[in-house]
C-alpha atoms as a PDB file:
ATOM      1  CA  MET A   1       0.000   0.000   0.000  1.00  0.00           C
ATOM      2  CA  SER A   2       1.445   3.361  -1.010  1.00  0.00           C
ATOM      3  CA  ALA A   3       1.815   6.269   1.397  1.00  0.00           C
ATOM      4  CA  ARG A   4      -0.936   8.111  -0.470  1.00  0.00           C
ATOM      5  CA  SER A   5      -3.294   5.132  -0.096  1.00  0.00           C
ATOM      6  CA  LYS A   6      -2.529   4.926   3.617  1.00  0.00           C
ATOM      7  CA  VAL A   7      -3.317   8.612   4.083  1.00  0.00           C
ATOM      8  CA  ALA A   8      -6.572   8.240   2.129  1.00  0.00           C
ATOM      9  CA  ALA A   9      -7.560   5.217   4.243  1.00  0.00           C
ATOM     10  CA  TYR A  10      -6.811   7.130   7.441  1.00  0.00           C
ATOM     11  CA  GLN A  11      -8.806  10.152   6.286  1.00  0.00           C
ATOM     12  CA  SER A  12     -11.742   7.949   5.306  1.00  0.00           C
ATOM     13  CA  THR A  13     -11.729   6.257   8.706  1.00  0.00           C
ATOM     14  CA  ALA A  14     -11.487   9.615  10.478  1.00  0.00           C
ATOM     15  CA  VAL A  15     -14.436  11.013   8.516  1.00  0.00           C
ATOM     16  CA  GLN A  16     -16.519   7.900   9.205  1.00  0.00           C
ATOM     17  CA  GLY A  17     -15.820   8.324  12.921  1.00  0.00           C
ATOM     18  CA  ASP A  18     -16.809  11.976  12.769  1.00  0.00           C
ATOM     19  CA  VAL A  19     -20.057  11.101  10.974  1.00  0.00           C
ATOM     20  CA  ALA A  20     -20.934   8.377  13.467  1.00  0.00           C
ATOM     21  CA  ALA A  21     -20.462  10.774  16.393  1.00  0.00           C
ATOM     22  CA  ALA A  22     -22.129  13.814  14.821  1.00  0.00           C
ATOM     23  CA  ASP A  23     -25.557  15.160  15.647  1.00  0.00           C
ATOM     24  CA  PRO A  24     -27.882  16.058  12.730  1.00  0.00           C
ATOM     25  CA  HIS A  25     -26.833  19.714  12.855  1.00  0.00           C
ATOM     26  CA  ARG A  26     -23.159  18.790  12.576  1.00  0.00           C
ATOM     27  CA  LEU A  27     -23.895  16.372   9.707  1.00  0.00           C
ATOM     28  CA  VAL A  28     -25.393  19.198   7.634  1.00  0.00           C
ATOM     29  CA  ALA A  29     -22.353  21.364   8.396  1.00  0.00           C
ATOM     30  CA  MET A  30     -20.110  18.489   7.290  1.00  0.00           C
ATOM     31  CA  LEU A  31     -22.030  18.195   4.008  1.00  0.00           C
ATOM     32  CA  LEU A  32     -21.675  21.923   3.394  1.00  0.00           C
ATOM     33  CA  ASP A  33     -17.942  21.717   4.147  1.00  0.00           C
ATOM     34  CA  GLY A  34     -17.586  18.717   1.844  1.00  0.00           C
ATOM     35  CA  ALA A  35     -19.294  20.482  -1.034  1.00  0.00           C
ATOM     36  CA  MET A  36     -17.109  23.554  -0.582  1.00  0.00           C
ATOM     37  CA  GLN A  37     -13.974  21.391  -0.467  1.00  0.00           C
ATOM     38  CA  CYS A  38     -14.989  19.639  -3.703  1.00  0.00           C
ATOM     39  CA  LEU A  39     -15.514  22.999  -5.389  1.00  0.00           C
ATOM     40  CA  SER A  40     -12.196  24.355  -4.185  1.00  0.00           C
ATOM     41  CA  THR A  41     -10.275  21.315  -5.390  1.00  0.00           C
ATOM     42  CA  ALA A  42     -12.196  21.264  -8.684  1.00  0.00           C
ATOM     43  CA  ARG A  43     -11.196  24.875  -9.253  1.00  0.00           C
ATOM     44  CA  MET A  44      -7.536  23.892  -8.856  1.00  0.00           C
ATOM     45  CA  CYS A  45      -8.102  21.036 -11.308  1.00  0.00           C
ATOM     46  CA  MET A  46      -9.501  23.535 -13.816  1.00  0.00           C
ATOM     47  CA  GLU A  47      -6.348  25.613 -13.497  1.00  0.00           C
ATOM     48  CA  ARG A  48      -4.157  22.536 -14.059  1.00  0.00           C
ATOM     49  CA  GLY A  49      -6.295  21.221 -16.896  1.00  0.00           C
ATOM     50  CA  ASP A  50      -7.157  18.004 -15.034  1.00  0.00           C
ATOM     51  CA  ILE A  51     -10.549  17.556 -16.664  1.00  0.00           C
ATOM     52  CA  VAL A  52     -11.249  14.038 -15.383  1.00  0.00           C
ATOM     53  CA  ARG A  53     -10.590  14.857 -11.726  1.00  0.00           C
ATOM     54  CA  LYS A  54     -12.542  18.124 -12.046  1.00  0.00           C
ATOM     55  CA  ALA A  55     -15.556  16.242 -13.414  1.00  0.00           C
ATOM     56  CA  GLN A  56     -15.378  13.670 -10.602  1.00  0.00           C
ATOM     57  CA  LEU A  57     -15.253  16.370  -7.937  1.00  0.00           C
ATOM     58  CA  LEU A  58     -18.086  18.373  -9.447  1.00  0.00           C
ATOM     59  CA  HIS A  59     -20.185  15.225  -9.782  1.00  0.00           C
ATOM     60  CA  ARG A  60     -19.587  14.541  -6.077  1.00  0.00           C
ATOM     61  CA  CYS A  61     -20.481  18.146  -5.252  1.00  0.00           C
ATOM     62  CA  VAL A  62     -23.801  17.883  -7.103  1.00  0.00           C
ATOM     63  CA  HIS A  63     -24.587  14.720  -5.133  1.00  0.00           C
ATOM     64  CA  ILE A  64     -23.792  16.455  -1.849  1.00  0.00           C
ATOM     65  CA  ILE A  65     -25.998  19.432  -2.691  1.00  0.00           C
ATOM     66  CA  ALA A  66     -28.757  17.033  -3.787  1.00  0.00           C
ATOM     67  CA  GLU A  67     -28.439  15.319  -0.391  1.00  0.00           C
ATOM     68  CA  LEU A  68     -28.772  18.694   1.349  1.00  0.00           C
ATOM     69  CA  ASN A  69     -31.819  19.432  -0.787  1.00  0.00           C
ATOM     70  CA  GLY A  70     -33.329  16.038   0.000  1.00  0.00           C
ATOM     71  CA  SER A  71     -32.855  16.565   3.729  1.00  0.00           C
ATOM     72  CA  LEU A  72     -35.067  19.645   3.829  1.00  0.00           C
ATOM     73  CA  ASP A  73     -38.205  19.343   5.963  1.00  0.00           C
ATOM     74  CA  HIS A  74     -40.801  20.958   3.725  1.00  0.00           C
ATOM     75  CA  LYS A  75     -43.661  20.161   6.112  1.00  0.00           C
ATOM     76  CA  ASN A  76     -42.165  22.091   9.032  1.00  0.00           C
ATOM     77  CA  GLY A  77     -39.748  24.333   7.126  1.00  0.00           C
ATOM     78  CA  GLY A  78     -42.342  26.274   5.167  1.00  0.00           C
ATOM     79  CA  GLU A  79     -41.069  29.131   3.056  1.00  0.00           C
ATOM     80  CA  LEU A  80     -37.500  28.767   4.293  1.00  0.00           C
ATOM     81  CA  ALA A  81     -37.336  25.143   3.114  1.00  0.00           C
ATOM     82  CA  SER A  82     -38.841  26.128  -0.247  1.00  0.00           C
ATOM     83  CA  ASN A  83     -36.331  28.952  -0.677  1.00  0.00           C
ATOM     84  CA  LEU A  84     -33.418  26.681   0.239  1.00  0.00           C
ATOM     85  CA  ALA A  85     -34.665  24.036  -2.198  1.00  0.00           C
ATOM     86  CA  ALA A  86     -34.709  26.598  -4.997  1.00  0.00           C
ATOM     87  CA  LEU A  87     -31.233  27.793  -4.007  1.00  0.00           C
ATOM     88  CA  TYR A  88     -29.857  24.245  -3.939  1.00  0.00           C
ATOM     89  CA  GLU A  89     -31.383  23.561  -7.378  1.00  0.00           C
ATOM     90  CA  TYR A  90     -29.743  26.718  -8.706  1.00  0.00           C
ATOM     91  CA  MET A  91     -26.391  25.724  -7.202  1.00  0.00           C
ATOM     92  CA  MET A  92     -26.563  22.281  -8.822  1.00  0.00           C
ATOM     93  CA  ARG A  93     -27.274  23.860 -12.210  1.00  0.00           C
ATOM     94  CA  GLN A  94     -24.341  26.252 -11.789  1.00  0.00           C
ATOM     95  CA  VAL A  95     -21.975  23.414 -10.861  1.00  0.00           C
ATOM     96  CA  LEU A  96     -23.082  21.486 -13.954  1.00  0.00           C
ATOM     97  CA  ARG A  97     -22.576  24.600 -16.092  1.00  0.00           C
ATOM     98  CA  ALA A  98     -19.103  25.072 -14.605  1.00  0.00           C
ATOM     99  CA  ASN A  99     -18.241  21.533 -15.560  1.00  0.00           C
ATOM    100  CA  LEU A 100     -19.595  21.841 -19.104  1.00  0.00           C
ATOM    101  CA  GLU A 101     -18.222  25.316 -19.815  1.00  0.00           C
ATOM    102  CA  ASN A 102     -15.078  24.986 -17.656  1.00  0.00           C
ATOM    103  CA  LYS A 103     -15.774  28.357 -15.990  1.00  0.00           C
ATOM    104  CA  GLU A 104     -14.379  29.070 -12.543  1.00  0.00           C
ATOM    105  CA  SER A 105     -16.776  31.968 -12.022  1.00  0.00           C
ATOM    106  CA  TYR A 106     -19.696  29.553 -11.591  1.00  0.00           C
ATOM    107  CA  LEU A 107     -17.750  27.645  -8.939  1.00  0.00           C
ATOM    108  CA  THR A 108     -16.836  30.863  -7.149  1.00  0.00           C
ATOM    109  CA  GLU A 109     -20.501  31.878  -7.070  1.00  0.00           C
ATOM    110  CA  VAL A 110     -21.624  28.515  -5.675  1.00  0.00           C
ATOM    111  CA  MET A 111     -18.835  28.545  -3.077  1.00  0.00           C
ATOM    112  CA  SER A 112     -20.013  31.974  -1.956  1.00  0.00           C
ATOM    113  CA  LEU A 113     -23.636  30.829  -1.712  1.00  0.00           C
ATOM    114  CA  LEU A 114     -22.668  27.690   0.204  1.00  0.00           C
ATOM    115  CA  GLY A 115     -20.548  29.827   2.514  1.00  0.00           C
ATOM    116  CA  GLU A 116     -23.543  32.026   3.299  1.00  0.00           C
ATOM    117  CA  VAL A 117     -25.780  29.017   3.958  1.00  0.00           C
ATOM    118  CA  ARG A 118     -23.077  27.484   6.149  1.00  0.00           C
ATOM    119  CA  SER A 119     -22.628  30.692   8.165  1.00  0.00           C
ATOM    120  CA  ALA A 120     -26.364  30.895   8.809  1.00  0.00           C
ATOM    121  CA  TRP A 121     -26.511  27.209   9.689  1.00  0.00           C
ATOM    122  CA  ILE A 122     -23.648  27.495  12.171  1.00  0.00           C
ATOM    123  CA  ALA A 123     -25.239  30.608  13.707  1.00  0.00           C
ATOM    124  CA  ILE A 124     -28.466  28.743  14.475  1.00  0.00           C
ATOM    125  CA  GLY A 125     -26.584  25.715  15.805  1.00  0.00           C
ATOM    126  CA  PRO A 126     -27.167  26.243  19.517  1.00  0.00           C
ATOM    127  CA  GLU A 127     -30.891  26.787  18.963  1.00  0.00           C
ATOM    128  CA  VAL A 128     -31.226  23.687  16.779  1.00  0.00           C
ATOM    129  CA  ARG A 129     -29.278  21.553  19.239  1.00  0.00           C
ATOM    130  CA  MET A 130     -31.496  22.687  22.132  1.00  0.00           C
ATOM    131  CA  LEU A 131     -34.612  21.706  20.174  1.00  0.00           C
ATOM    132  CA  ALA A 132     -33.118  18.292  19.321  1.00  0.00           C
ATOM    133  CA  GLN A 133     -32.189  17.366  22.907  1.00  0.00           C
ATOM    134  CA  PRO A 134     -34.451  14.970  24.766  1.00  0.00           C
ATOM    135  CA  PRO A 135     -36.296  16.579  27.722  1.00  0.00           C
ATOM    136  CA  GLY A 136     -34.276  16.649  30.908  1.00  0.00           C
ATOM    137  CA  ARG A 137     -30.914  16.205  29.167  1.00  0.00           C
ATOM    138  CA  VAL A 138     -28.396  18.994  29.559  1.00  0.00           C
ATOM    139  CA  GLU A 139     -25.110  19.154  27.652  1.00  0.00           C
END
């Protein structure tokens, strides 16, 4: 096993451990971080001309954003959930356009939008965690 393979295996194990220990709020933050990381690396691949790796990363990013979209609670989320769904759909289209047209500007826009969603999500973290705790449990 090469050193690179060992590092990848370690990182995969570490991420799996983080996922297993994460609360739902943290899982969404991890998805947002993962999507942003894919976009950042894909942008570097564009600069280097690594088309195959760029396409793989952008494909993964679309799947992550689709997962975020699928996790929305439309019944209880009302207008906010609907607005986020529309935003996620837009982001997926922009990522696909970036891949087809090889334009970094689309990736930059989506990274900015994801960053704003992530900031808002992190800001509401304590409130969400309090609502998710079973009665009588204090952390």
